[in-house]
Amino acid sequence: MPTAQALALAQERGLDLVEVAPTAVPPVCRILDYGQYKYELQKREREQKKKQKSQTFKEVRLGVKVDVHDLQTKARRAAQFLDHGDRVKITVRFRGREISHANLGRDLLMRTAELLAEHGAIERQPLLEGRSMYIVMGPLEKRDRKTEGDGDAPSETSASTEPSKGGDTIGDAIAAKAPPAPAESPAEAATETPAAKGS
């Protein structure tokens, strides 16, 4: 139908001629009330936004000399963000000459990631930008609810969040951290027992 004829038909009915598919060949137009059409489009967009899972970006800032208890508090807050479905950026800021010990910042970030292992996974490995280093953690999509219901076994988070006895700050604790002694296997214990009895 020619455009002029379609416009005349729309005016006769007291409605508007609205192009609904401009990319089609030929373009598709409809005779309707433009105000109502616009309202329906906006309503549809709002419904689509509600259905979309909104994911915000939260940030937790740490210092290289952060106290162990402060680290636990910030880790708990980050865990809440992750459980809520938000992505978390954990940043360590270096002041003065602390930048020369970037390895302490990396260790601190990895320790924080270990504390949050049950709540999220690392999306971006430690990255140094200017005077700060950060990692990005995202929430776990599928969490195993059955393991949370078991009250017999202690959770890894509670065991790992105990304060380290290496020093007052997390930097001292990481620096004083020594590798654990290898555990004695039962086979070695069995071979040593007869020798001890013979002597």
N, C-alpha and C. Protein backbone atom coordinates (compact mmCIF):
# COMPACT_ATOMS: atom_id res chain seq x y z
N MET A 1 0.85 -1.19 0.00
CA MET A 1 0.00 0.00 0.00
C MET A 1 0.89 1.25 0.00
N PRO A 2 0.58 2.23 -0.81
CA PRO A 2 1.37 3.47 -0.80
C PRO A 2 1.28 4.17 0.55
N THR A 3 2.33 4.90 0.90
CA THR A 3 2.40 5.57 2.20
C THR A 3 1.27 6.59 2.37
N ALA A 4 1.00 7.36 1.33
CA ALA A 4 -0.05 8.38 1.41
C ALA A 4 -1.41 7.75 1.68
N GLN A 5 -1.67 6.62 1.05
CA GLN A 5 -2.95 5.94 1.25
C GLN A 5 -3.06 5.39 2.69
N ALA A 6 -1.94 4.85 3.20
CA ALA A 6 -1.92 4.32 4.56
C ALA A 6 -2.13 5.44 5.58
N LEU A 7 -1.50 6.60 5.34
CA LEU A 7 -1.68 7.76 6.24
C LEU A 7 -3.13 8.23 6.25
N ALA A 8 -3.73 8.28 5.06
CA ALA A 8 -5.12 8.72 4.95
C ALA A 8 -6.04 7.76 5.70
N LEU A 9 -5.75 6.45 5.60
CA LEU A 9 -6.56 5.44 6.28
C LEU A 9 -6.43 5.57 7.80
N ALA A 10 -5.21 5.85 8.27
CA ALA A 10 -4.98 6.01 9.71
C ALA A 10 -5.70 7.25 10.23
N GLN A 11 -5.67 8.36 9.45
CA GLN A 11 -6.33 9.60 9.87
C GLN A 11 -7.85 9.43 9.92
N GLU A 12 -8.39 8.64 9.01
CA GLU A 12 -9.83 8.38 9.02
C GLU A 12 -10.27 7.71 10.31
N ARG A 13 -9.42 6.80 10.80
CA ARG A 13 -9.74 6.06 12.02
C ARG A 13 -9.34 6.81 13.29
N GLY A 14 -8.66 7.94 13.14
CA GLY A 14 -8.20 8.72 14.29
C GLY A 14 -7.03 8.08 15.00
N LEU A 15 -6.22 7.33 14.25
CA LEU A 15 -5.04 6.64 14.83
C LEU A 15 -3.78 7.09 14.11
N ASP A 16 -2.65 6.48 14.47
CA ASP A 16 -1.35 6.85 13.89
C ASP A 16 -0.84 5.71 13.02
N LEU A 17 -0.01 6.05 12.05
CA LEU A 17 0.68 5.05 11.22
C LEU A 17 2.08 4.88 11.80
N VAL A 18 2.35 3.72 12.37
CA VAL A 18 3.62 3.48 13.08
C VAL A 18 4.42 2.41 12.34
N GLU A 19 5.67 2.74 12.05
CA GLU A 19 6.57 1.78 11.40
C GLU A 19 7.14 0.85 12.48
N VAL A 20 6.77 -0.42 12.43
CA VAL A 20 7.18 -1.36 13.48
C VAL A 20 8.38 -2.22 13.07
N ALA A 21 8.62 -2.37 11.78
CA ALA A 21 9.76 -3.16 11.31
C ALA A 21 10.42 -2.43 10.16
N PRO A 22 11.29 -1.44 10.47
CA PRO A 22 11.89 -0.65 9.39
C PRO A 22 12.89 -1.41 8.54
N THR A 23 13.47 -2.49 9.07
CA THR A 23 14.50 -3.22 8.31
C THR A 23 13.89 -4.25 7.35
N ALA A 24 12.59 -4.53 7.50
CA ALA A 24 11.95 -5.51 6.61
C ALA A 24 11.81 -4.94 5.21
N VAL A 25 11.71 -5.84 4.24
CA VAL A 25 11.52 -5.42 2.85
C VAL A 25 10.21 -6.01 2.34
N PRO A 26 9.17 -5.21 2.07
CA PRO A 26 9.08 -3.76 2.34
C PRO A 26 8.88 -3.51 3.84
N PRO A 27 9.13 -2.26 4.32
CA PRO A 27 8.95 -1.94 5.75
C PRO A 27 7.52 -2.17 6.20
N VAL A 28 7.37 -2.68 7.43
CA VAL A 28 6.05 -3.02 7.96
C VAL A 28 5.55 -1.88 8.84
N CYS A 29 4.32 -1.42 8.57
CA CYS A 29 3.70 -0.37 9.37
C CYS A 29 2.37 -0.87 9.92
N ARG A 30 1.96 -0.29 11.06
CA ARG A 30 0.67 -0.65 11.65
C ARG A 30 -0.12 0.61 11.98
N ILE A 31 -1.41 0.50 11.88
CA ILE A 31 -2.28 1.61 12.25
C ILE A 31 -2.72 1.37 13.70
N LEU A 32 -2.25 2.24 14.60
CA LEU A 32 -2.56 2.07 16.02
C LEU A 32 -2.36 3.39 16.76
N ASP A 33 -2.69 3.38 18.05
CA ASP A 33 -2.49 4.56 18.90
C ASP A 33 -1.02 4.55 19.35
N TYR A 34 -0.27 5.58 18.91
CA TYR A 34 1.16 5.60 19.16
C TYR A 34 1.49 5.69 20.65
N GLY A 35 0.69 6.45 21.41
CA GLY A 35 0.93 6.59 22.85
C GLY A 35 0.79 5.25 23.56
N GLN A 36 -0.24 4.50 23.21
CA GLN A 36 -0.44 3.19 23.83
C GLN A 36 0.66 2.22 23.41
N TYR A 37 1.08 2.29 22.14
CA TYR A 37 2.15 1.42 21.63
C TYR A 37 3.46 1.69 22.37
N LYS A 38 3.76 2.98 22.59
CA LYS A 38 4.99 3.36 23.30
C LYS A 38 4.94 2.86 24.74
N TYR A 39 3.77 2.99 25.38
CA TYR A 39 3.61 2.53 26.76
C TYR A 39 3.84 1.01 26.86
N GLU A 40 3.30 0.25 25.90
CA GLU A 40 3.48 -1.20 25.91
C GLU A 40 4.94 -1.59 25.72
N LEU A 41 5.65 -0.85 24.87
CA LEU A 41 7.09 -1.12 24.67
C LEU A 41 7.86 -0.89 25.97
N GLN A 42 7.59 0.24 26.65
CA GLN A 42 8.27 0.54 27.90
C GLN A 42 7.95 -0.51 28.96
N LYS A 43 6.70 -0.97 29.01
CA LYS A 43 6.29 -1.98 29.97
C LYS A 43 7.04 -3.30 29.71
N ARG A 44 7.19 -3.64 28.44
CA ARG A 44 7.91 -4.86 28.07
C ARG A 44 9.38 -4.77 28.47
N GLU A 45 9.98 -3.59 28.26
CA GLU A 45 11.38 -3.40 28.63
C GLU A 45 11.57 -3.53 30.14
N ARG A 46 10.65 -2.97 30.91
CA ARG A 46 10.73 -3.07 32.38
C ARG A 46 10.63 -4.52 32.83
N GLU A 47 9.77 -5.30 32.21
CA GLU A 47 9.62 -6.71 32.57
C GLU A 47 10.88 -7.49 32.24
N GLN A 48 11.52 -7.16 31.12
CA GLN A 48 12.77 -7.83 30.75
C GLN A 48 13.88 -7.49 31.73
N LYS A 49 13.92 -6.24 32.19
CA LYS A 49 14.94 -5.85 33.16
C LYS A 49 14.75 -6.57 34.49
N LYS A 50 13.50 -6.79 34.87
CA LYS A 50 13.23 -7.51 36.12
C LYS A 50 13.69 -8.95 36.02
N LYS A 51 13.51 -9.55 34.84
CA LYS A 51 13.90 -10.94 34.66
C LYS A 51 15.42 -11.10 34.63
N GLN A 52 16.12 -10.08 34.16
CA GLN A 52 17.58 -10.15 34.12
C GLN A 52 18.13 -10.11 35.54
N LYS A 53 19.14 -10.96 35.80
CA LYS A 53 19.76 -10.98 37.12
C LYS A 53 20.78 -9.85 37.17
N SER A 54 20.48 -8.84 37.97
CA SER A 54 21.40 -7.71 38.06
C SER A 54 22.59 -8.09 38.93
N GLN A 55 23.80 -7.87 38.42
CA GLN A 55 25.01 -8.22 39.13
C GLN A 55 25.85 -6.97 39.29
N THR A 56 26.01 -6.53 40.52
CA THR A 56 26.79 -5.33 40.77
C THR A 56 28.22 -5.71 41.13
N PHE A 57 29.07 -4.69 41.19
CA PHE A 57 30.50 -4.88 41.42
C PHE A 57 30.85 -4.24 42.75
N LYS A 58 31.31 -5.02 43.72
CA LYS A 58 31.68 -4.51 45.03
C LYS A 58 33.19 -4.54 45.18
N GLU A 59 33.72 -3.69 46.06
CA GLU A 59 35.16 -3.64 46.28
C GLU A 59 35.48 -3.73 47.76
N VAL A 60 36.49 -4.52 48.09
CA VAL A 60 37.00 -4.64 49.45
C VAL A 60 38.47 -4.23 49.40
N ARG A 61 38.84 -3.25 50.23
CA ARG A 61 40.22 -2.75 50.22
C ARG A 61 40.98 -3.24 51.44
N LEU A 62 42.22 -3.65 51.21
CA LEU A 62 43.09 -4.13 52.28
C LEU A 62 44.41 -3.38 52.23
N GLY A 63 45.10 -3.37 53.37
CA GLY A 63 46.46 -2.85 53.43
C GLY A 63 47.42 -4.00 53.59
N VAL A 64 48.69 -3.80 53.22
CA VAL A 64 49.67 -4.88 53.33
C VAL A 64 49.83 -5.31 54.79
N LYS A 65 49.74 -4.35 55.73
CA LYS A 65 49.92 -4.65 57.15
C LYS A 65 48.59 -4.83 57.88
N VAL A 66 47.59 -5.33 57.17
CA VAL A 66 46.28 -5.52 57.78
C VAL A 66 46.36 -6.55 58.90
N ASP A 67 45.63 -6.30 59.98
CA ASP A 67 45.59 -7.22 61.11
C ASP A 67 44.79 -8.46 60.71
N VAL A 68 45.11 -9.58 61.34
CA VAL A 68 44.46 -10.84 61.01
C VAL A 68 42.95 -10.75 61.22
N HIS A 69 42.53 -10.14 62.34
CA HIS A 69 41.10 -10.04 62.63
C HIS A 69 40.40 -9.10 61.65
N ASP A 70 41.10 -8.03 61.23
CA ASP A 70 40.53 -7.13 60.22
C ASP A 70 40.34 -7.88 58.90
N LEU A 71 41.31 -8.74 58.57
CA LEU A 71 41.20 -9.52 57.34
C LEU A 71 39.99 -10.45 57.40
N GLN A 72 39.78 -11.07 58.56
CA GLN A 72 38.63 -11.97 58.71
C GLN A 72 37.31 -11.20 58.57
N THR A 73 37.26 -9.99 59.15
CA THR A 73 36.05 -9.18 59.05
C THR A 73 35.77 -8.81 57.60
N LYS A 74 36.82 -8.38 56.88
CA LYS A 74 36.63 -7.99 55.47
C LYS A 74 36.28 -9.21 54.62
N ALA A 75 36.86 -10.37 54.97
CA ALA A 75 36.55 -11.59 54.22
C ALA A 75 35.09 -11.99 54.43
N ARG A 76 34.58 -11.81 55.66
CA ARG A 76 33.17 -12.11 55.92
C ARG A 76 32.26 -11.20 55.11
N ARG A 77 32.64 -9.92 55.03
CA ARG A 77 31.84 -8.96 54.25
C ARG A 77 31.85 -9.33 52.76
N ALA A 78 33.04 -9.70 52.26
CA ALA A 78 33.14 -10.11 50.86
C ALA A 78 32.33 -11.37 50.60
N ALA A 79 32.31 -12.29 51.58
CA ALA A 79 31.52 -13.52 51.45
C ALA A 79 30.03 -13.19 51.33
N GLN A 80 29.58 -12.18 52.10
CA GLN A 80 28.18 -11.75 52.02
C GLN A 80 27.86 -11.21 50.62
N PHE A 81 28.79 -10.41 50.07
CA PHE A 81 28.59 -9.88 48.72
C PHE A 81 28.47 -11.02 47.71
N LEU A 82 29.39 -12.01 47.83
CA LEU A 82 29.39 -13.12 46.88
C LEU A 82 28.12 -13.96 47.01
N ASP A 83 27.68 -14.20 48.25
CA ASP A 83 26.45 -14.97 48.46
C ASP A 83 25.24 -14.24 47.90
N HIS A 84 25.31 -12.90 47.88
CA HIS A 84 24.21 -12.09 47.35
C HIS A 84 24.20 -12.12 45.83
N GLY A 85 25.29 -12.61 45.22
CA GLY A 85 25.36 -12.70 43.76
C GLY A 85 26.18 -11.61 43.12
N ASP A 86 26.91 -10.82 43.91
CA ASP A 86 27.73 -9.73 43.37
C ASP A 86 29.15 -10.21 43.10
N ARG A 87 29.79 -9.56 42.15
CA ARG A 87 31.23 -9.80 41.92
C ARG A 87 32.01 -8.90 42.87
N VAL A 88 33.16 -9.38 43.34
CA VAL A 88 33.93 -8.64 44.34
C VAL A 88 35.35 -8.41 43.83
N LYS A 89 35.78 -7.16 43.94
CA LYS A 89 37.15 -6.79 43.61
C LYS A 89 37.88 -6.58 44.93
N ILE A 90 38.91 -7.39 45.18
CA ILE A 90 39.68 -7.29 46.42
C ILE A 90 41.00 -6.59 46.07
N THR A 91 41.22 -5.44 46.70
CA THR A 91 42.36 -4.59 46.37
C THR A 91 43.30 -4.45 47.55
N VAL A 92 44.61 -4.56 47.28
CA VAL A 92 45.63 -4.28 48.28
C VAL A 92 46.36 -3.02 47.84
N ARG A 93 46.38 -2.01 48.72
CA ARG A 93 47.05 -0.75 48.39
C ARG A 93 48.42 -0.72 49.03
N PHE A 94 49.41 -0.30 48.25
CA PHE A 94 50.78 -0.18 48.74
C PHE A 94 51.07 1.28 49.05
N ARG A 95 51.64 1.52 50.24
CA ARG A 95 52.00 2.88 50.62
C ARG A 95 53.51 2.97 50.78
N GLY A 96 54.07 4.07 50.31
CA GLY A 96 55.51 4.30 50.47
C GLY A 96 56.33 3.21 49.81
N ARG A 97 57.24 2.64 50.61
CA ARG A 97 58.14 1.63 50.05
C ARG A 97 57.56 0.22 50.08
N GLU A 98 56.32 0.08 50.46
CA GLU A 98 55.69 -1.24 50.47
C GLU A 98 55.59 -1.83 49.06
N ILE A 99 55.63 -0.97 48.05
CA ILE A 99 55.50 -1.42 46.67
C ILE A 99 56.65 -2.35 46.28
N SER A 100 57.81 -2.22 46.99
CA SER A 100 58.94 -3.10 46.69
C SER A 100 58.70 -4.52 47.17
N HIS A 101 57.68 -4.72 48.03
CA HIS A 101 57.34 -6.06 48.53
C HIS A 101 55.98 -6.48 47.96
N ALA A 102 55.88 -6.46 46.64
CA ALA A 102 54.61 -6.79 45.98
C ALA A 102 54.22 -8.24 46.24
N ASN A 103 55.22 -9.09 46.53
CA ASN A 103 54.91 -10.50 46.78
C ASN A 103 54.04 -10.66 48.04
N LEU A 104 54.20 -9.77 49.03
CA LEU A 104 53.36 -9.83 50.23
C LEU A 104 51.90 -9.52 49.88
N GLY A 105 51.70 -8.56 48.99
CA GLY A 105 50.35 -8.24 48.54
C GLY A 105 49.72 -9.40 47.79
N ARG A 106 50.53 -10.06 46.94
CA ARG A 106 50.01 -11.21 46.19
C ARG A 106 49.63 -12.34 47.15
N ASP A 107 50.50 -12.60 48.14
CA ASP A 107 50.20 -13.66 49.12
C ASP A 107 48.94 -13.33 49.90
N LEU A 108 48.77 -12.04 50.25
CA LEU A 108 47.58 -11.61 51.00
C LEU A 108 46.31 -11.82 50.18
N LEU A 109 46.38 -11.49 48.89
CA LEU A 109 45.22 -11.67 48.01
C LEU A 109 44.87 -13.16 47.87
N MET A 110 45.90 -14.00 47.71
CA MET A 110 45.64 -15.43 47.55
C MET A 110 45.10 -16.03 48.84
N ARG A 111 45.58 -15.53 49.98
CA ARG A 111 45.04 -16.03 51.26
C ARG A 111 43.57 -15.63 51.41
N THR A 112 43.25 -14.40 51.02
CA THR A 112 41.86 -13.95 51.07
C THR A 112 40.99 -14.80 50.15
N ALA A 113 41.52 -15.13 48.97
CA ALA A 113 40.77 -15.98 48.03
C ALA A 113 40.53 -17.36 48.63
N GLU A 114 41.50 -17.87 49.40
CA GLU A 114 41.32 -19.17 50.07
C GLU A 114 40.20 -19.09 51.11
N LEU A 115 40.15 -17.95 51.85
CA LEU A 115 39.10 -17.78 52.84
C LEU A 115 37.71 -17.75 52.19
N LEU A 116 37.67 -17.28 50.94
CA LEU A 116 36.39 -17.12 50.24
C LEU A 116 36.11 -18.24 49.25
N ALA A 117 36.89 -19.33 49.33
CA ALA A 117 36.78 -20.41 48.34
C ALA A 117 35.39 -21.03 48.31
N GLU A 118 34.70 -21.08 49.47
CA GLU A 118 33.37 -21.69 49.51
C GLU A 118 32.28 -20.75 48.97
N HIS A 119 32.63 -19.48 48.80
CA HIS A 119 31.62 -18.49 48.39
C HIS A 119 31.81 -18.02 46.95
N GLY A 120 33.03 -18.10 46.42
CA GLY A 120 33.28 -17.59 45.08
C GLY A 120 34.56 -18.16 44.49
N ALA A 121 34.78 -17.86 43.22
CA ALA A 121 35.96 -18.33 42.50
C ALA A 121 36.67 -17.14 41.88
N ILE A 122 37.98 -17.26 41.73
CA ILE A 122 38.79 -16.18 41.16
C ILE A 122 38.50 -16.09 39.66
N GLU A 123 38.11 -14.90 39.22
CA GLU A 123 37.89 -14.65 37.79
C GLU A 123 39.12 -14.00 37.16
N ARG A 124 39.84 -13.19 37.93
CA ARG A 124 41.05 -12.54 37.43
C ARG A 124 42.16 -12.70 38.45
N GLN A 125 43.29 -13.23 38.03
CA GLN A 125 44.43 -13.45 38.91
C GLN A 125 45.03 -12.11 39.36
N PRO A 126 45.87 -12.13 40.44
CA PRO A 126 46.42 -10.85 40.94
C PRO A 126 47.09 -10.03 39.85
N LEU A 127 46.70 -8.76 39.79
CA LEU A 127 47.20 -7.85 38.77
C LEU A 127 47.64 -6.56 39.44
N LEU A 128 48.87 -6.12 39.15
CA LEU A 128 49.42 -4.90 39.74
C LEU A 128 49.12 -3.72 38.83
N GLU A 129 48.42 -2.73 39.37
CA GLU A 129 48.09 -1.51 38.63
C GLU A 129 48.50 -0.32 39.47
N GLY A 130 49.54 0.37 39.04
CA GLY A 130 50.01 1.53 39.82
C GLY A 130 50.50 1.10 41.19
N ARG A 131 49.88 1.65 42.25
CA ARG A 131 50.28 1.33 43.61
C ARG A 131 49.29 0.39 44.28
N SER A 132 48.54 -0.35 43.49
CA SER A 132 47.60 -1.30 44.07
C SER A 132 47.57 -2.58 43.25
N MET A 133 47.24 -3.67 43.92
CA MET A 133 47.13 -4.98 43.29
C MET A 133 45.74 -5.52 43.62
N TYR A 134 45.11 -6.18 42.67
CA TYR A 134 43.76 -6.65 42.94
C TYR A 134 43.48 -7.97 42.25
N ILE A 135 42.46 -8.66 42.78
CA ILE A 135 41.89 -9.83 42.13
C ILE A 135 40.38 -9.60 42.02
N VAL A 136 39.76 -10.30 41.10
CA VAL A 136 38.30 -10.23 40.94
C VAL A 136 37.74 -11.62 41.20
N MET A 137 36.75 -11.70 42.09
CA MET A 137 36.11 -12.97 42.40
C MET A 137 34.64 -12.90 42.01
N GLY A 138 34.14 -13.99 41.48
CA GLY A 138 32.73 -14.08 41.10
C GLY A 138 32.02 -15.12 41.95
N PRO A 139 30.71 -14.98 42.13
CA PRO A 139 29.97 -15.94 42.96
C PRO A 139 29.91 -17.31 42.30
N LEU A 140 29.80 -18.34 43.12
CA LEU A 140 29.63 -19.69 42.61
C LEU A 140 28.19 -19.84 42.15
N GLU A 141 28.01 -20.29 40.92
CA GLU A 141 26.66 -20.41 40.36
C GLU A 141 25.89 -21.54 41.04
N LYS A 142 26.53 -22.69 41.18
CA LYS A 142 25.86 -23.85 41.79
C LYS A 142 26.61 -24.22 43.06
N ARG A 143 25.97 -23.94 44.18
CA ARG A 143 26.57 -24.31 45.47
C ARG A 143 25.93 -25.60 45.96
N ASP A 144 26.75 -26.45 46.56
CA ASP A 144 26.26 -27.73 47.05
C ASP A 144 25.59 -27.50 48.40
N ARG A 145 24.25 -27.53 48.42
CA ARG A 145 23.51 -27.26 49.65
C ARG A 145 23.61 -28.42 50.64
N LYS A 146 23.89 -29.64 50.15
CA LYS A 146 23.93 -30.80 51.04
C LYS A 146 25.08 -30.69 52.02
N THR A 147 26.22 -30.20 51.58
CA THR A 147 27.37 -30.11 52.47
C THR A 147 27.13 -29.08 53.56
N GLU A 148 26.30 -28.05 53.28
CA GLU A 148 26.02 -27.04 54.29
C GLU A 148 25.12 -27.61 55.38
N GLY A 149 24.27 -28.60 55.02
CA GLY A 149 23.34 -29.18 55.98
C GLY A 149 24.00 -30.13 56.96
N ASP A 150 25.15 -30.70 56.62
CA ASP A 150 25.83 -31.64 57.52
C ASP A 150 26.45 -30.89 58.68
N GLY A 151 26.07 -31.26 59.89
CA GLY A 151 26.62 -30.59 61.06
C GLY A 151 27.77 -31.35 61.67
N ASP A 152 28.12 -32.55 61.12
CA ASP A 152 29.17 -33.37 61.72
C ASP A 152 30.55 -32.81 61.43
N ALA A 153 30.81 -32.48 60.16
CA ALA A 153 32.14 -32.03 59.79
C ALA A 153 32.25 -30.52 59.91
N PRO A 154 33.34 -30.00 60.50
CA PRO A 154 33.51 -28.55 60.58
C PRO A 154 33.80 -27.98 59.21
N SER A 155 33.33 -26.78 58.96
CA SER A 155 33.53 -26.16 57.66
C SER A 155 34.96 -25.70 57.52
N GLU A 156 35.43 -25.66 56.25
CA GLU A 156 36.80 -25.24 55.99
C GLU A 156 37.01 -23.78 56.32
N THR A 157 35.95 -22.98 56.17
CA THR A 157 36.09 -21.55 56.43
C THR A 157 36.41 -21.29 57.89
N SER A 158 35.69 -22.01 58.79
CA SER A 158 35.93 -21.78 60.20
C SER A 158 37.33 -22.21 60.59
N ALA A 159 37.85 -23.26 59.93
CA ALA A 159 39.19 -23.71 60.27
C ALA A 159 40.24 -22.76 59.72
N SER A 160 39.98 -22.22 58.52
CA SER A 160 41.00 -21.38 57.90
C SER A 160 40.98 -19.95 58.39
N THR A 161 39.88 -19.52 59.04
CA THR A 161 39.82 -18.15 59.50
C THR A 161 40.37 -17.96 60.90
N GLU A 162 40.90 -19.02 61.50
CA GLU A 162 41.52 -18.85 62.80
C GLU A 162 42.76 -17.99 62.66
N PRO A 163 43.03 -17.11 63.63
CA PRO A 163 44.17 -16.22 63.49
C PRO A 163 45.48 -16.97 63.49
N SER A 164 46.37 -16.55 62.63
CA SER A 164 47.69 -17.16 62.57
C SER A 164 48.52 -16.69 63.74
N LYS A 165 49.36 -17.58 64.25
CA LYS A 165 50.16 -17.23 65.43
C LYS A 165 51.54 -16.73 65.05
N GLY A 166 51.75 -16.41 63.77
CA GLY A 166 53.07 -15.98 63.33
C GLY A 166 53.37 -14.53 63.68
N GLY A 167 52.37 -13.67 63.92
CA GLY A 167 52.63 -12.27 64.22
C GLY A 167 51.34 -11.50 64.37
N ASP A 168 51.47 -10.19 64.58
CA ASP A 168 50.29 -9.36 64.81
C ASP A 168 49.58 -8.98 63.53
N THR A 169 50.31 -8.89 62.43
CA THR A 169 49.69 -8.52 61.17
C THR A 169 49.77 -9.69 60.20
N ILE A 170 48.98 -9.60 59.15
CA ILE A 170 48.97 -10.68 58.17
C ILE A 170 50.31 -10.76 57.44
N GLY A 171 50.98 -9.62 57.26
CA GLY A 171 52.31 -9.61 56.64
C GLY A 171 53.31 -10.40 57.48
N ASP A 172 53.26 -10.21 58.82
CA ASP A 172 54.13 -10.98 59.72
C ASP A 172 53.79 -12.46 59.65
N ALA A 173 52.49 -12.77 59.59
CA ALA A 173 52.07 -14.16 59.57
C ALA A 173 52.55 -14.86 58.30
N ILE A 174 52.46 -14.16 57.16
CA ILE A 174 52.89 -14.76 55.89
C ILE A 174 54.39 -14.93 55.88
N ALA A 175 55.11 -13.91 56.40
CA ALA A 175 56.57 -13.98 56.41
C ALA A 175 57.06 -15.10 57.32
N ALA A 176 56.35 -15.33 58.45
CA ALA A 176 56.79 -16.34 59.42
C ALA A 176 56.24 -17.72 59.10
N LYS A 177 55.45 -17.82 58.04
CA LYS A 177 54.83 -19.10 57.71
C LYS A 177 55.89 -20.09 57.24
N ALA A 178 55.95 -21.25 57.90
CA ALA A 178 56.92 -22.28 57.54
C ALA A 178 56.18 -23.48 56.99
N PRO A 179 56.81 -24.25 56.07
CA PRO A 179 56.13 -25.43 55.55
C PRO A 179 55.91 -26.47 56.66
N PRO A 180 54.75 -27.13 56.70
CA PRO A 180 54.47 -28.11 57.76
C PRO A 180 55.36 -29.33 57.64
N ALA A 181 55.66 -29.97 58.80
CA ALA A 181 56.49 -31.17 58.82
C ALA A 181 55.73 -32.32 58.19
N PRO A 182 56.41 -33.18 57.37
CA PRO A 182 55.70 -34.28 56.74
C PRO A 182 55.19 -35.27 57.78
N ALA A 183 53.96 -35.75 57.60
CA ALA A 183 53.35 -36.68 58.55
C ALA A 183 53.96 -38.07 58.38
N GLU A 184 54.09 -38.80 59.49
CA GLU A 184 54.69 -40.13 59.46
C GLU A 184 53.65 -41.12 58.97
N SER A 185 54.00 -41.90 57.95
CA SER A 185 53.04 -42.85 57.40
C SER A 185 52.92 -44.06 58.29
N PRO A 186 51.78 -44.80 58.28
CA PRO A 186 51.60 -45.98 59.13
C PRO A 186 52.60 -47.09 58.81
N ALA A 187 53.04 -47.21 57.55
CA ALA A 187 54.01 -48.26 57.19
C ALA A 187 55.34 -48.02 57.87
N GLU A 188 55.77 -46.73 57.93
CA GLU A 188 57.04 -46.41 58.59
C GLU A 188 56.95 -46.69 60.08
N ALA A 189 55.80 -46.38 60.68
CA ALA A 189 55.62 -46.62 62.11
C ALA A 189 55.67 -48.11 62.41
N ALA A 190 55.12 -48.94 61.52
CA ALA A 190 55.10 -50.39 61.73
C ALA A 190 56.50 -50.98 61.62
N THR A 191 57.35 -50.44 60.72
CA THR A 191 58.71 -50.97 60.57
C THR A 191 59.60 -50.55 61.72
N GLU A 192 59.31 -49.40 62.35
CA GLU A 192 60.15 -48.94 63.43
C GLU A 192 59.84 -49.67 64.74
N THR A 193 58.60 -50.13 64.93
CA THR A 193 58.18 -50.76 66.17
C THR A 193 58.95 -52.05 66.45
N PRO A 194 59.11 -53.02 65.50
CA PRO A 194 59.86 -54.24 65.81
C PRO A 194 61.31 -53.95 66.11
N ALA A 195 61.89 -52.98 65.41
CA ALA A 195 63.31 -52.65 65.64
C ALA A 195 63.50 -52.14 67.04
N ALA A 196 62.52 -51.33 67.50
CA ALA A 196 62.62 -50.78 68.84
C ALA A 196 62.50 -51.89 69.89
N LYS A 197 61.64 -52.92 69.61
CA LYS A 197 61.47 -54.03 70.56
C LYS A 197 62.73 -54.89 70.62
N GLY A 198 63.39 -55.09 69.48
CA GLY A 198 64.59 -55.94 69.44
C GLY A 198 65.76 -55.31 70.19
N SER A 199 65.86 -54.00 70.17
CA SER A 199 66.95 -53.32 70.85
C SER A 199 66.57 -53.11 72.27
